Amino acid sequence: MVPMLQESALIFAADIDVQNLLDAFGLSSPRRAVALIIDGQGRENVEQIKNQVKWMTKSFNSIELRRDFELVFDTVRELIQNYIDLGCNVYVSISSSFPEISAALYAATMYKGGTPLAPGSPNMQLPMLRVLMLPKIPLYILKVLHRDFNGIAIQQDLSRRVIETLRREENMERKSGSALVNYYINKTLKPLGLVRTWTEGKNLKIELTNAGLAVAKRVEDYIKLLPKKEKKEEEEKARKKPSLVLAR
């Protein structure tokens, strides 16, 4: 008996270039597709795409949504779970003309375990970031950068605020704060594409990317899900051997 191939599903925002979306269909070969129409943008694209991919899809639906991060996040998260329950490989196009919608699409994909695609970029299939593998300190860097600095800050100011926040919210003592924050920015957050940096005069500036914004908006959820043992071990290292944290 020949085993049945696992079906794929594709979720996408319809407000980007049609050819880029068709490229996403070509990569994911979905049997099921859902178009998200954000504030009416891209509605005219949906019928064109539907006609061009009808030979590969057995269902093609569209959903009208407001331009709202939480609404899109919750909707996509539910869609992903529904398709996973049906046994599908789920792909999500995270590209949108609205930055906060791109962030919501990426966050929902990370949260539920789909595969993110970035139509129009050189590497369309993005590496899946497992947010729960991030240590607490990088999560706090993202949290503070978003909450206190609106996504962009000078490195010294960010470091100082992160250390203050860790002391206040986590009772963690840090002596080499600037070096520690800089370490996690360069060794963890930048390689994962969550922040970008550049020099302006004598200052190093740090800015959230769309992916970083997606994580930053849900940091509280991720921190709560950190294993208790891991949290305890990291706090012990923070109190006793800060240098060990630098070596991670």
Protein backbone atom coordinates (compact mmCIF):
# COMPACT_ATOMS: atom_id res chain seq x y z
CA MET A 1 0.00 0.00 0.00
CA VAL A 2 1.44 3.39 -1.03
CA PRO A 3 1.47 5.83 1.93
CA MET A 4 -0.43 9.09 1.44
CA LEU A 5 1.70 12.19 1.15
CA GLN A 6 1.22 14.76 3.89
CA GLU A 7 -0.70 17.78 2.64
CA SER A 8 0.52 21.35 3.02
CA ALA A 9 -1.42 24.48 3.94
CA LEU A 10 -0.45 28.10 3.26
CA ILE A 11 -1.62 31.17 5.19
CA PHE A 12 -0.74 34.56 3.71
CA ALA A 13 -1.54 38.27 3.80
CA ALA A 14 -2.84 39.30 0.39
CA ASP A 15 -1.46 42.86 0.40
CA ILE A 16 1.92 42.16 -1.24
CA ASP A 17 3.10 41.60 -4.82
CA VAL A 18 1.16 38.84 -6.58
CA GLN A 19 4.27 37.25 -8.08
CA ASN A 20 5.89 37.00 -4.65
CA LEU A 21 2.80 35.23 -3.36
CA LEU A 22 2.82 32.85 -6.32
CA ASP A 23 6.45 32.08 -5.46
CA ALA A 24 5.28 31.12 -1.95
CA PHE A 25 2.70 28.79 -3.49
CA GLY A 26 5.42 27.28 -5.66
CA LEU A 27 7.61 26.54 -2.65
CA SER A 28 4.90 25.21 -0.32
CA SER A 29 2.64 23.47 -2.91
CA PRO A 30 -0.40 23.81 -0.64
CA ARG A 31 -3.59 21.84 -1.02
CA ARG A 32 -5.27 24.30 1.35
CA ALA A 33 -4.82 28.08 1.40
CA VAL A 34 -6.15 31.02 3.39
CA ALA A 35 -5.77 34.64 2.27
CA LEU A 36 -5.86 37.32 4.96
CA ILE A 37 -7.26 40.61 3.67
CA ILE A 38 -6.07 43.34 6.04
CA ASP A 39 -8.19 46.51 6.03
CA GLY A 40 -9.29 45.65 2.50
CA GLN A 41 -5.75 45.71 1.12
CA GLY A 42 -5.00 43.08 -1.54
CA ARG A 43 -8.61 42.06 -2.04
CA GLU A 44 -8.15 42.47 -5.78
CA ASN A 45 -5.21 40.03 -5.68
CA VAL A 46 -7.13 37.14 -4.16
CA GLU A 47 -9.22 36.13 -7.19
CA GLN A 48 -6.19 36.40 -9.48
CA ILE A 49 -4.12 34.16 -7.23
CA LYS A 50 -7.02 31.75 -6.68
CA ASN A 51 -7.45 31.28 -10.43
CA GLN A 52 -3.75 30.68 -11.00
CA VAL A 53 -3.34 28.08 -8.24
CA LYS A 54 -6.70 26.29 -8.48
CA TRP A 55 -4.97 23.32 -10.12
CA MET A 56 -3.01 22.65 -6.92
CA THR A 57 -5.49 23.65 -4.20
CA LYS A 58 -8.61 21.84 -3.07
CA SER A 59 -9.69 24.65 -0.72
CA PHE A 60 -8.97 28.38 -0.92
CA ASN A 61 -10.59 30.70 1.61
CA SER A 62 -10.23 34.36 2.52
CA ILE A 63 -10.70 36.18 5.82
CA GLU A 64 -11.22 39.93 6.27
CA LEU A 65 -9.38 41.34 9.30
CA ARG A 66 -8.68 44.73 10.82
CA ARG A 67 -5.13 46.01 10.93
CA ASP A 68 -4.58 44.86 14.51
CA PHE A 69 -1.63 42.86 15.86
CA GLU A 70 -3.54 40.87 18.47
CA LEU A 71 -6.43 40.05 16.15
CA VAL A 72 -4.15 38.79 13.38
CA PHE A 73 -1.95 36.92 15.87
CA ASP A 74 -4.91 35.09 17.44
CA THR A 75 -6.52 34.33 14.06
CA VAL A 76 -3.35 32.91 12.52
CA ARG A 77 -2.50 30.94 15.64
CA GLU A 78 -5.94 29.28 15.50
CA LEU A 79 -5.62 28.60 11.77
CA ILE A 80 -2.22 26.98 12.23
CA GLN A 81 -3.54 24.75 15.01
CA ASN A 82 -6.55 23.73 12.92
CA TYR A 83 -4.34 22.72 10.00
CA ILE A 84 -1.92 20.88 12.28
CA ASP A 85 -4.90 18.95 13.68
CA LEU A 86 -5.76 17.99 10.08
CA GLY A 87 -2.25 16.59 9.67
CA CYS A 88 -0.97 19.36 7.37
CA ASN A 89 2.46 20.89 7.07
CA VAL A 90 1.69 24.56 7.68
CA TYR A 91 3.48 27.39 5.88
CA VAL A 92 2.91 31.05 6.73
CA SER A 93 3.95 33.95 4.51
CA ILE A 94 5.09 36.59 6.99
CA SER A 95 5.35 39.36 4.38
CA SER A 96 2.91 42.27 4.58
CA SER A 97 2.92 45.95 3.71
CA PHE A 98 2.06 46.57 7.39
CA PRO A 99 5.06 45.99 9.74
CA GLU A 100 2.90 45.05 12.73
CA ILE A 101 1.04 42.48 10.62
CA SER A 102 4.34 40.92 9.52
CA ALA A 103 5.26 40.77 13.20
CA ALA A 104 1.94 39.13 14.10
CA LEU A 105 2.31 36.52 11.34
CA TYR A 106 5.84 35.67 12.47
CA ALA A 107 4.91 35.55 16.15
CA ALA A 108 1.97 33.21 15.53
CA THR A 109 4.17 30.94 13.43
CA MET A 110 6.80 30.74 16.15
CA TYR A 111 4.18 30.13 18.80
CA LYS A 112 2.44 27.26 17.01
CA GLY A 113 5.30 25.70 15.04
CA GLY A 114 4.61 26.39 11.36
CA THR A 115 7.22 27.22 8.73
CA PRO A 116 7.65 30.95 7.99
CA LEU A 117 8.19 32.12 4.41
CA ALA A 118 9.37 35.56 3.30
CA PRO A 119 8.26 36.00 -0.33
CA GLY A 120 10.45 38.46 -2.20
CA SER A 121 13.53 37.93 -0.03
CA PRO A 122 16.69 36.11 -1.24
CA ASN A 123 16.05 33.26 1.21
CA MET A 124 12.30 32.73 1.15
CA GLN A 125 12.23 29.89 3.68
CA LEU A 126 13.34 31.37 6.98
CA PRO A 127 15.01 29.39 9.75
CA MET A 128 12.46 28.70 12.45
CA LEU A 129 13.34 30.52 15.65
CA ARG A 130 12.42 28.53 18.73
CA VAL A 131 11.77 31.42 21.08
CA LEU A 132 11.54 29.22 24.14
CA MET A 133 15.22 28.33 23.65
CA LEU A 134 16.24 31.96 24.22
CA PRO A 135 17.66 32.63 27.68
CA LYS A 136 15.89 35.11 29.89
CA ILE A 137 18.32 37.98 29.40
CA PRO A 138 17.94 38.23 25.59
CA LEU A 139 14.17 38.14 26.10
CA TYR A 140 14.45 41.07 28.51
CA ILE A 141 16.63 42.97 26.04
CA LEU A 142 13.86 42.65 23.45
CA LYS A 143 11.20 43.53 26.00
CA VAL A 144 12.94 46.70 27.18
CA LEU A 145 13.94 47.78 23.67
CA HIS A 146 10.29 47.61 22.60
CA ARG A 147 8.56 48.83 25.76
CA ASP A 148 10.91 51.59 26.88
CA PHE A 149 12.55 52.75 23.64
CA ASN A 150 9.91 52.13 20.96
CA GLY A 151 12.21 49.68 19.17
CA ILE A 152 15.43 51.69 18.82
CA ALA A 153 18.03 52.75 21.41
CA ILE A 154 21.65 53.66 22.05
CA GLN A 155 23.50 50.64 23.44
CA GLN A 156 24.53 52.31 26.71
CA ASP A 157 20.99 53.49 27.46
CA LEU A 158 19.55 50.08 26.62
CA SER A 159 22.08 48.25 28.80
CA ARG A 160 21.37 50.47 31.79
CA ARG A 161 17.61 50.03 31.48
CA VAL A 162 17.83 46.24 30.99
CA ILE A 163 19.91 45.87 34.16
CA GLU A 164 17.51 48.08 36.12
CA THR A 165 14.58 45.98 34.88
CA LEU A 166 16.25 42.68 35.77
CA ARG A 167 16.99 43.93 39.27
CA ARG A 168 13.46 45.21 39.76
CA GLU A 169 11.47 42.37 38.17
CA GLU A 170 13.73 39.34 38.66
CA ASN A 171 15.90 40.28 41.67
CA MET A 172 18.98 39.57 39.56
CA GLU A 173 22.19 41.39 40.43
CA ARG A 174 24.41 42.36 37.51
CA LYS A 175 27.78 44.08 37.76
CA SER A 176 29.02 43.89 34.15
CA GLY A 177 25.73 45.03 32.64
CA SER A 178 26.92 46.78 29.49
CA ALA A 179 29.24 43.94 28.49
CA LEU A 180 26.54 41.35 29.16
CA VAL A 181 23.87 43.08 27.09
CA ASN A 182 26.35 43.67 24.27
CA TYR A 183 27.32 39.98 24.39
CA TYR A 184 23.74 38.76 23.93
CA ILE A 185 23.06 41.31 21.21
CA ASN A 186 26.05 40.19 19.15
CA LYS A 187 26.03 36.46 19.92
CA THR A 188 22.30 35.72 20.10
CA LEU A 189 19.93 38.42 18.89
CA LYS A 190 21.78 39.63 15.78
CA PRO A 191 22.53 36.12 14.41
CA LEU A 192 18.83 35.25 14.82
CA GLY A 193 17.81 38.38 12.91
CA LEU A 194 15.93 39.89 15.85
CA VAL A 195 17.90 43.15 15.98
CA ARG A 196 20.13 45.18 13.69
CA THR A 197 22.93 47.53 14.78
CA TRP A 198 24.84 50.43 13.30
CA THR A 199 27.17 53.20 14.46
CA GLU A 200 26.03 56.80 14.51
CA GLY A 201 28.83 59.11 15.57
CA LYS A 202 30.25 57.59 18.74
CA ASN A 203 27.07 55.70 19.58
CA LEU A 204 26.10 52.12 18.76
CA LYS A 205 22.40 52.01 17.91
CA ILE A 206 20.24 48.91 18.24
CA GLU A 207 16.89 48.47 16.48
CA LEU A 208 14.27 45.73 16.48
CA THR A 209 13.62 43.99 13.17
CA ASN A 210 10.09 42.86 12.28
CA ALA A 211 10.94 39.42 13.65
CA GLY A 212 12.31 41.02 16.82
CA LEU A 213 9.16 43.06 17.20
CA ALA A 214 7.11 39.89 16.90
CA VAL A 215 9.01 38.31 19.79
CA ALA A 216 9.09 41.50 21.85
CA LYS A 217 5.29 41.82 21.74
CA ARG A 218 4.91 38.35 23.31
CA VAL A 219 7.91 38.34 25.67
CA GLU A 220 5.81 38.05 28.82
CA ASP A 221 4.25 34.84 27.51
CA TYR A 222 7.65 33.37 26.64
CA ILE A 223 9.16 34.27 30.03
CA LYS A 224 6.25 32.55 31.82
CA LEU A 225 6.88 29.41 29.76
CA LEU A 226 10.57 29.18 30.67
CA PRO A 227 11.14 25.91 32.57
CA LYS A 228 11.30 26.58 36.30
CA LYS A 229 14.55 24.65 36.60
CA GLU A 230 16.16 26.73 33.86
CA LYS A 231 14.98 29.92 35.52
CA LYS A 232 16.40 28.85 38.87
CA GLU A 233 19.73 27.79 37.38
CA GLU A 234 20.11 31.03 35.47
CA GLU A 235 19.33 33.08 38.57
CA GLU A 236 21.95 31.14 40.53
CA LYS A 237 24.53 31.82 37.84
CA ALA A 238 23.60 35.48 37.89
CA ARG A 239 24.17 35.71 41.63
CA LYS A 240 27.30 33.58 41.93
CA LYS A 241 29.15 33.48 38.62
CA PRO A 242 28.24 36.21 36.16
CA SER A 243 31.22 35.26 33.96
CA LEU A 244 29.62 31.89 33.23
CA VAL A 245 26.65 33.65 31.67
CA LEU A 246 29.00 35.53 29.37
CA ALA A 247 30.43 32.25 28.16
CA ARG A 248 27.13 30.72 27.07
